[in-house]
Protein backbone atom coordinates (compact mmCIF):
# COMPACT_ATOMS: atom_id res chain seq x y z
CA THR A 1 -9.54 -16.48 27.13
CA GLU A 2 -7.14 -13.59 26.77
CA THR A 3 -4.20 -15.97 26.28
CA ALA A 4 -5.97 -17.68 23.38
CA ASP A 5 -6.64 -14.29 21.72
CA VAL A 6 -2.98 -13.27 21.98
CA SER A 7 -1.70 -16.53 20.50
CA GLU A 8 -4.28 -16.35 17.69
CA GLU A 9 -3.19 -12.80 16.86
CA MET A 10 0.47 -13.83 16.61
CA GLN A 11 -0.09 -16.81 14.32
CA ALA A 12 1.18 -16.60 10.77
CA GLY A 13 -1.31 -17.12 7.97
CA GLU A 14 -1.41 -20.24 5.85
CA PRO A 15 1.44 -20.13 3.29
CA CYS A 16 0.60 -18.53 -0.04
CA PRO A 17 0.08 -21.06 -2.83
CA ALA A 18 2.79 -21.46 -5.44
CA GLY A 19 2.20 -19.92 -8.84
CA THR A 20 1.49 -16.60 -10.47
CA PHE A 21 -1.80 -14.88 -9.74
CA ALA A 22 -3.54 -11.70 -10.89
CA MET A 23 -2.92 -8.69 -8.68
CA ASP A 24 -4.88 -5.54 -7.93
CA PRO A 25 -3.25 -2.16 -8.69
CA PRO A 26 -0.61 -1.11 -6.13
CA VAL A 27 -1.42 0.88 -3.01
CA THR A 28 1.49 3.11 -1.98
CA TYR A 29 2.12 4.13 1.62
CA THR A 30 4.26 7.12 2.58
CA CYS A 31 5.99 6.76 5.93
CA THR A 32 8.36 8.95 7.92
CA GLY A 33 11.52 8.65 5.80
CA ALA A 34 10.41 5.71 3.60
CA THR A 35 7.71 4.42 1.25
CA PHE A 36 6.39 0.99 0.34
CA SER A 37 3.67 -0.42 -1.89
CA VAL A 38 1.30 -3.36 -1.68
CA ARG A 39 -0.45 -5.36 -4.40
CA TYR A 40 -3.19 -7.74 -3.33
CA GLU A 41 -3.93 -11.14 -4.91
CA PRO A 42 -7.74 -11.48 -4.70
CA GLU A 43 -7.66 -15.18 -5.66
CA THR A 44 -5.26 -16.17 -2.87
CA SER A 45 -5.81 -13.65 -0.05
CA CYS A 46 -2.08 -12.87 -0.19
CA ALA A 47 -0.35 -9.49 -0.40
CA ASN A 48 2.85 -8.61 -2.25
CA VAL A 49 4.73 -5.93 -0.31
CA ASP A 50 7.49 -4.04 -2.15
CA ALA A 51 9.83 -2.42 0.37
CA GLY A 52 13.55 -1.68 0.51
CA GLY A 53 14.13 -3.10 -2.98
CA GLN A 54 12.62 -6.49 -2.09
CA THR A 55 9.23 -8.12 -2.53
CA TYR A 56 7.59 -10.06 0.29
CA ARG A 57 4.61 -12.31 -0.47
CA LEU A 58 2.62 -12.47 2.74
CA PRO A 59 -0.41 -14.59 3.62
CA SER A 60 -3.51 -13.13 5.20
CA SER A 61 -3.74 -13.80 8.93
CA TYR A 62 -6.04 -13.00 11.83
CA ALA A 63 -6.71 -9.32 12.55
CA ALA A 64 -9.04 -7.94 15.22
CA SER A 65 -9.51 -4.95 12.90
CA GLY A 66 -8.17 -3.97 9.50
CA GLU A 67 -6.08 -6.24 7.28
CA ARG A 68 -3.13 -8.24 8.56
CA TYR A 69 -0.61 -10.21 6.50
CA TYR A 70 2.07 -12.14 8.36
CA ASP A 71 4.40 -15.02 7.49
CA GLY A 72 5.98 -15.46 10.92
CA THR A 73 8.77 -12.94 10.19
CA HIS A 74 7.39 -10.10 8.07
CA LEU A 75 4.26 -8.19 9.11
CA TYR A 76 2.03 -5.80 7.13
CA TRP A 77 -1.07 -4.42 8.84
CA ALA A 78 -3.43 -1.76 7.46
CA HIS A 79 -6.54 -0.06 8.80
CA ASN A 80 -8.38 3.10 7.69
CA GLY A 81 -5.61 4.39 5.39
CA GLU A 82 -2.80 3.80 7.91
CA ALA A 83 -0.29 0.96 7.88
CA MET A 84 2.48 -0.71 9.80
CA LEU A 85 5.32 -2.73 8.29
CA GLU A 86 7.83 -4.72 10.34
CA GLY A 87 10.70 -7.12 9.67
CA VAL A 88 11.44 -5.95 6.13
CA ALA A 89 14.36 -4.16 4.43
CA GLY A 90 14.58 -0.39 4.14
CA GLY A 91 12.78 0.57 7.36
CA PRO A 92 11.82 1.75 9.77
CA TYR A 93 8.33 2.18 8.36
CA GLU A 94 6.62 4.49 10.85
CA ASN A 95 3.56 6.77 10.58
CA CYS A 96 2.58 5.23 7.25
CA THR A 97 -0.45 6.60 5.38
CA THR A 98 -1.91 6.35 1.91
CA PRO A 99 -3.60 9.22 0.05
CA ALA A 100 -7.36 9.30 0.47
CA VAL A 101 -9.33 7.94 -2.48
CA GLU A 102 -11.29 10.77 -4.09
């Protein structure tokens, strides 16, 4: 049902496991008036978002399309080189894009 889809979309991901894990190189997004970067942990399906002088470690969660990381407060969503970031320091993060990979 539509109600079930909405509640599934709003659910936070499972908490990231404790510990230190290898990370992929950072992906930097340029937004209107701000920037942020993301480093993914392939082993854990978590993302480390650096924004506004703070780091947020977010668990992967349900996304109808693209990638979505959400801990119940902080949200990072990316799809086709565009991103959205909410609930973090240093925003607003609007019209965020990353350079195309050559």
